[in-house]
Protein backbone atom coordinates (compact mmCIF):
# COMPACT_ATOMS: atom_id res chain seq x y z
CA MET A 1 111.26 -19.68 193.63
CA HIS A 2 107.95 -18.77 195.67
CA SER A 3 105.74 -21.60 196.73
CA ARG A 4 101.92 -20.99 196.09
CA ILE A 5 99.05 -23.13 198.48
CA LEU A 6 96.14 -24.45 196.87
CA TYR A 7 92.89 -24.09 198.14
CA ILE A 8 89.73 -26.47 198.26
CA HIS A 9 86.79 -25.05 198.92
CA LEU A 10 84.30 -27.72 198.72
CA PRO A 11 80.42 -26.70 197.58
CA PRO A 12 77.76 -27.38 200.21
CA PHE A 13 76.35 -30.07 198.67
CA TYR A 14 78.27 -32.56 198.40
CA PRO A 15 77.02 -35.30 195.95
CA SER A 16 77.74 -32.91 192.90
CA LEU A 17 81.04 -33.95 193.09
CA PRO A 18 82.40 -35.81 189.60
CA CYS A 19 84.76 -38.49 190.87
CA ALA A 20 84.12 -41.52 192.57
CA GLY A 21 86.91 -40.28 195.32
CA GLY A 22 84.93 -37.05 195.96
CA LYS A 23 81.59 -39.17 196.18
CA ILE A 24 82.92 -41.58 199.30
CA LEU A 25 84.11 -37.96 200.57
CA SER A 26 80.95 -36.52 200.31
CA GLU A 27 80.03 -39.49 202.09
CA LYS A 28 82.04 -39.62 204.50
CA LEU A 29 81.41 -35.97 205.49
CA SER A 30 77.70 -36.22 205.23
CA GLN A 31 78.36 -39.23 207.66
CA LEU A 32 80.65 -37.31 210.24
CA ASN A 33 78.07 -33.95 210.46
CA PHE A 34 75.13 -36.18 211.50
CA THR A 35 77.33 -37.84 213.70
CA ILE A 36 77.77 -34.40 214.72
CA LYS A 37 74.16 -33.50 215.02
CA ILE A 38 73.22 -36.68 216.60
CA GLN A 39 75.74 -35.95 219.78
CA ASN A 40 74.39 -32.33 220.03
CA MET A 41 71.22 -33.60 220.00
CA ARG A 42 72.03 -36.03 222.88
CA SER A 43 73.78 -33.28 225.01
CA VAL A 44 70.65 -31.45 224.25
CA LEU A 45 68.61 -34.13 225.73
CA LEU A 46 70.91 -34.75 228.67
CA VAL A 47 70.47 -31.78 229.72
CA PHE A 48 66.71 -31.29 229.76
CA ILE A 49 66.52 -35.01 231.37
CA THR A 50 68.94 -33.20 234.14
CA LEU A 51 66.82 -30.52 234.70
CA PHE A 52 63.21 -32.27 234.71
CA ILE A 53 65.00 -34.96 237.29
CA THR A 54 65.77 -32.03 239.65
CA SER A 55 62.75 -30.38 239.41
CA PHE A 56 61.48 -33.31 241.11
CA CYS A 57 63.72 -33.51 243.43
CA TRP A 58 62.96 -29.76 244.74
CA GLY A 59 61.16 -28.76 247.95
CA GLN A 60 57.99 -26.43 247.87
CA ASN A 61 57.32 -27.56 243.81
CA HIS A 62 53.71 -28.63 242.49
CA PHE A 63 53.28 -31.13 240.22
CA GLY A 64 50.58 -31.50 237.77
CA ILE A 65 49.16 -33.22 234.87
CA PHE A 66 47.21 -31.96 232.05
CA ALA A 67 45.48 -33.09 228.90
CA GLY A 68 43.25 -31.57 225.63
CA PRO A 69 42.56 -31.73 221.99
CA GLN A 70 44.59 -29.50 219.82
CA ALA A 71 44.15 -28.66 215.68
CA THR A 72 47.74 -29.42 213.96
CA THR A 73 49.31 -27.99 210.63
CA THR A 74 52.37 -27.01 208.95
CA SER A 75 54.55 -24.36 206.83
CA TYR A 76 55.12 -26.14 203.97
CA LYS A 77 57.58 -25.38 201.11
CA VAL A 78 59.18 -27.04 198.11
CA ASN A 79 61.42 -25.01 196.19
CA GLY A 80 60.47 -21.88 198.23
CA VAL A 81 56.72 -22.47 197.28
CA LYS A 82 54.55 -21.90 199.95
CA GLN A 83 51.65 -25.32 199.42
CA GLU A 84 48.15 -25.26 200.48
CA ASN A 85 47.87 -27.59 203.63
CA LYS A 86 44.67 -27.90 206.27
CA PHE A 87 44.10 -28.58 209.65
CA LYS A 88 44.21 -32.06 211.65
CA TYR A 89 42.88 -33.21 214.88
CA GLY A 90 44.89 -34.72 217.58
CA PHE A 91 45.16 -34.21 220.94
CA MET A 92 48.08 -33.80 224.10
CA ALA A 93 48.66 -35.09 227.86
CA GLY A 94 51.64 -34.73 229.81
CA ALA A 95 52.71 -33.75 233.41
CA GLY A 96 54.99 -31.09 234.21
CA PHE A 97 56.11 -28.57 237.26
CA LYS A 98 55.70 -25.68 239.01
CA LEU A 99 58.72 -24.25 240.70
CA PRO A 100 58.99 -21.13 242.37
CA PHE A 101 62.23 -18.90 241.03
CA GLU A 102 62.01 -15.19 241.61
CA GLY A 103 58.74 -12.75 242.77
CA LYS A 104 56.21 -14.41 240.35
CA LEU A 105 58.50 -16.15 238.16
CA TYR A 106 58.53 -19.46 237.56
CA PHE A 107 60.66 -22.44 236.45
CA ALA A 108 58.36 -24.85 234.30
CA PRO A 109 59.86 -27.96 232.59
CA ALA A 110 56.77 -30.06 231.00
CA LEU A 111 56.70 -34.13 229.19
CA PHE A 112 54.19 -34.72 227.13
CA TYR A 113 52.95 -36.65 224.23
CA SER A 114 51.49 -34.94 221.40
CA MET A 115 49.67 -36.07 218.11
CA LYS A 116 50.52 -33.93 215.06
CA GLY A 117 49.61 -33.92 211.83
CA TYR A 118 49.04 -31.80 207.83
CA LYS A 119 47.22 -32.45 205.18
CA VAL A 120 49.00 -30.73 202.10
CA ASN A 121 48.37 -30.18 198.10
CA PHE A 122 51.65 -30.24 196.28
CA THR A 123 51.91 -27.78 192.89
CA GLN A 124 55.19 -27.90 193.23
CA TYR A 125 57.07 -31.78 193.75
CA ALA A 126 59.85 -33.81 196.16
CA SER A 127 60.46 -36.41 198.29
CA PRO A 128 60.03 -36.96 200.79
CA PRO A 129 56.91 -38.09 200.12
CA ASP A 130 57.16 -38.82 196.21
CA VAL A 131 58.51 -36.45 193.91
CA ASN A 132 54.93 -38.26 191.88
CA ALA A 133 53.04 -37.51 194.91
CA ILE A 134 50.42 -34.82 194.25
CA ASP A 135 49.12 -34.85 198.04
CA ASN A 136 49.98 -36.04 201.74
CA ASN A 137 48.00 -36.48 204.68
CA THR A 138 50.24 -37.55 207.98
CA THR A 139 50.03 -38.20 211.19
CA ILE A 140 52.77 -38.32 213.48
CA HIS A 141 53.37 -39.53 217.14
CA CYS A 142 55.17 -37.11 219.23
CA LEU A 143 56.86 -36.69 222.79
CA GLU A 144 58.10 -33.20 223.91
CA LEU A 145 60.62 -32.21 226.45
CA ALA A 146 60.05 -28.39 227.48
CA ALA A 147 61.64 -25.68 229.52
CA LEU A 148 58.79 -23.43 230.13
CA LEU A 149 59.21 -20.42 232.10
CA GLN A 150 56.02 -19.49 233.67
CA TYR A 151 54.42 -15.37 235.02
CA ASP A 152 51.53 -15.31 237.27
CA PHE A 153 50.02 -12.07 237.28
CA SER A 154 48.78 -11.65 240.23
CA ASP A 155 50.02 -13.37 243.97
CA GLN A 156 46.60 -14.54 244.58
CA PRO A 157 45.62 -18.45 244.59
CA GLY A 158 43.59 -17.43 241.46
CA HIS A 159 45.02 -15.94 239.00
CA VAL A 160 45.84 -15.51 234.85
CA PHE A 161 49.28 -16.69 233.94
CA ILE A 162 51.74 -16.79 230.74
CA LYS A 163 54.05 -19.55 229.68
CA GLY A 164 57.07 -19.44 227.70
CA GLY A 165 60.18 -21.55 226.18
CA PRO A 166 61.99 -24.08 223.78
CA SER A 167 60.45 -27.88 223.35
CA LEU A 168 62.90 -30.96 221.94
CA ASP A 169 60.68 -32.75 219.79
CA PHE A 170 61.13 -36.55 219.29
CA LEU A 171 58.49 -37.80 216.35
CA LEU A 172 58.64 -41.25 217.35
CA PHE A 173 56.57 -42.77 214.02
CA GLY A 174 53.55 -42.07 211.89
CA ASN A 175 51.80 -42.94 208.64
CA GLU A 176 50.96 -40.81 205.68
CA LYS A 177 48.97 -41.29 202.95
CA TYR A 178 49.43 -39.94 199.62
CA ASN A 179 47.99 -39.73 195.85
CA LEU A 180 49.95 -40.15 192.75
CA ALA A 181 49.78 -38.04 189.43
CA GLY A 182 49.53 -41.16 187.29
CA GLY A 183 46.73 -42.43 189.42
CA GLY A 184 46.38 -44.55 192.39
CA SER A 185 47.54 -44.18 195.85
CA ILE A 186 50.10 -44.87 198.38
CA ASP A 187 49.53 -45.15 202.56
CA ARG A 188 52.75 -46.61 204.50
CA LYS A 189 53.96 -45.73 207.53
CA MET A 190 56.37 -43.01 207.17
CA PRO A 191 60.37 -43.58 206.69
CA PHE A 192 62.88 -42.53 209.74
CA SER A 193 66.32 -42.01 208.78
CA LEU A 194 69.16 -39.90 209.16
CA GLY A 195 70.37 -38.86 206.52
CA SER A 196 66.67 -38.97 204.24
CA ASP A 197 63.49 -39.05 204.67
CA TYR A 198 61.99 -37.64 207.91
CA GLY A 199 63.94 -37.01 210.62
CA HIS A 200 63.63 -38.24 214.45
CA PHE A 201 64.27 -34.84 216.15
CA SER A 202 62.61 -31.41 215.87
CA GLY A 203 62.42 -28.68 218.05
CA ASN A 204 60.10 -26.05 218.28
CA LEU A 205 58.56 -22.65 220.68
CA LEU A 206 55.29 -22.76 223.30
CA ALA A 207 53.94 -20.24 224.51
CA GLN A 208 50.40 -20.47 227.00
CA LEU A 209 48.05 -18.19 228.21
CA GLY A 210 46.02 -19.85 231.05
CA TYR A 211 44.23 -19.09 233.99
CA GLU A 212 45.28 -21.80 237.78
CA SER A 213 42.09 -21.50 240.15
CA ALA A 214 42.76 -21.45 244.13
CA ASN A 215 42.19 -25.72 244.56
CA GLY A 216 45.01 -25.94 241.81
CA PHE A 217 43.25 -26.30 238.80
CA VAL A 218 44.55 -25.00 234.95
CA ILE A 219 43.00 -24.54 231.85
CA PHE A 220 45.39 -23.18 229.32
CA ALA A 221 45.49 -22.24 225.36
CA GLN A 222 48.92 -23.54 223.70
CA TYR A 223 50.57 -22.26 220.64
CA THR A 224 53.47 -24.31 219.30
CA HIS A 225 55.99 -22.89 216.43
CA GLY A 226 58.55 -25.52 214.69
CA LEU A 227 61.92 -24.03 214.59
CA ALA A 228 63.29 -26.77 212.38
CA ASN A 229 63.08 -29.06 209.31
CA ILE A 230 61.49 -32.42 209.90
CA ASN A 231 62.78 -33.15 206.29
CA ASN A 232 66.26 -34.16 206.07
CA THR A 233 66.45 -35.08 202.25
CA ASP A 234 68.63 -32.77 200.97
CA ARG A 235 67.05 -30.30 198.77
CA GLY A 236 63.36 -31.90 199.84
CA PRO A 237 60.35 -30.01 201.24
CA GLN A 238 60.75 -27.32 203.82
CA ILE A 239 58.34 -28.68 207.10
CA ARG A 240 57.72 -27.16 210.38
CA ASN A 241 54.87 -27.99 212.53
CA ARG A 242 52.16 -25.96 213.81
CA ALA A 243 49.60 -26.95 216.13
CA TYR A 244 47.00 -24.65 218.46
CA GLY A 245 45.94 -26.46 221.53
CA ILE A 246 44.01 -26.01 224.87
CA SER A 247 44.16 -28.08 227.70
CA ILE A 248 42.80 -29.05 231.26
CA GLY A 249 44.99 -29.57 234.58
CA LYS A 250 45.72 -30.16 237.67
CA TYR A 251 48.34 -29.31 240.09
CA PHE A 252 49.24 -31.42 243.26
CA SER A 253 51.59 -29.98 246.07
CA ARG A 254 53.85 -31.67 247.20
CA LYS A 255 55.59 -30.58 250.90
CA LYS A 256 59.24 -30.15 251.65
CA ILE A 257 60.26 -32.81 253.78
CA VAL A 258 61.76 -31.40 256.54
CA ILE A 259 64.05 -33.83 258.87
CA ASP A 260 64.44 -33.33 262.27
CA THR A 261 68.13 -34.25 263.84
CA ARG A 262 68.21 -32.06 267.18
CA ASN A 263 69.11 -34.33 270.16
CA ARG A 264 66.06 -34.67 272.37
CA GLU A 265 66.57 -35.40 276.05
């Protein structure tokens, strides 16, 4: 007699399992998935923080600060249908380093606060924010940790540069206000969680074009392209941040410390 092996394939959407045991299994698998996700995010965060601290200890570096306004919006889709949205205005401010890497190429990590948000009108409905919401107006306070590469177009003290690279985006807290189809409106703090609502973590790609003067002053334009969906709810909307900003800043040279250990007569 030949034995047969029965393989059971679970669908991607585990809550659709009809039995109670399937529901419990679904919950356990979801918890496991989120645990793995958090562990991965912690690993990435540890790498970013290590690079940033190393940058501070690196000799021959330049430490700088920057700040400026930005216009933010989102790529917002419900059931694959793009929703109409408008810009909101916020700002960014932070600090970073410029470290020699190879020739005119530099490593330029940065840590900065970013106020984002969006205004969206719905033709398709989903939660968050609410299946009865017809629009949403949000303000989100974020902290970004970026690992950027900078290329200077000239060896001269005053020069044009470009920067680019990924950033890890921490959505700290936010507020949303929306109107309901049946009348009335809701103004509340945005709900963040691991298994539903909005997520605390996101990822972006940053691109900058700017000018650095001989005395260390900089001005640059920045584009932020959100890669990750900030919504955690199953079958919910696809929400990816976008931002366009301009900032000014100043680099402060940090001289390398040399200790003379030679014996003196």
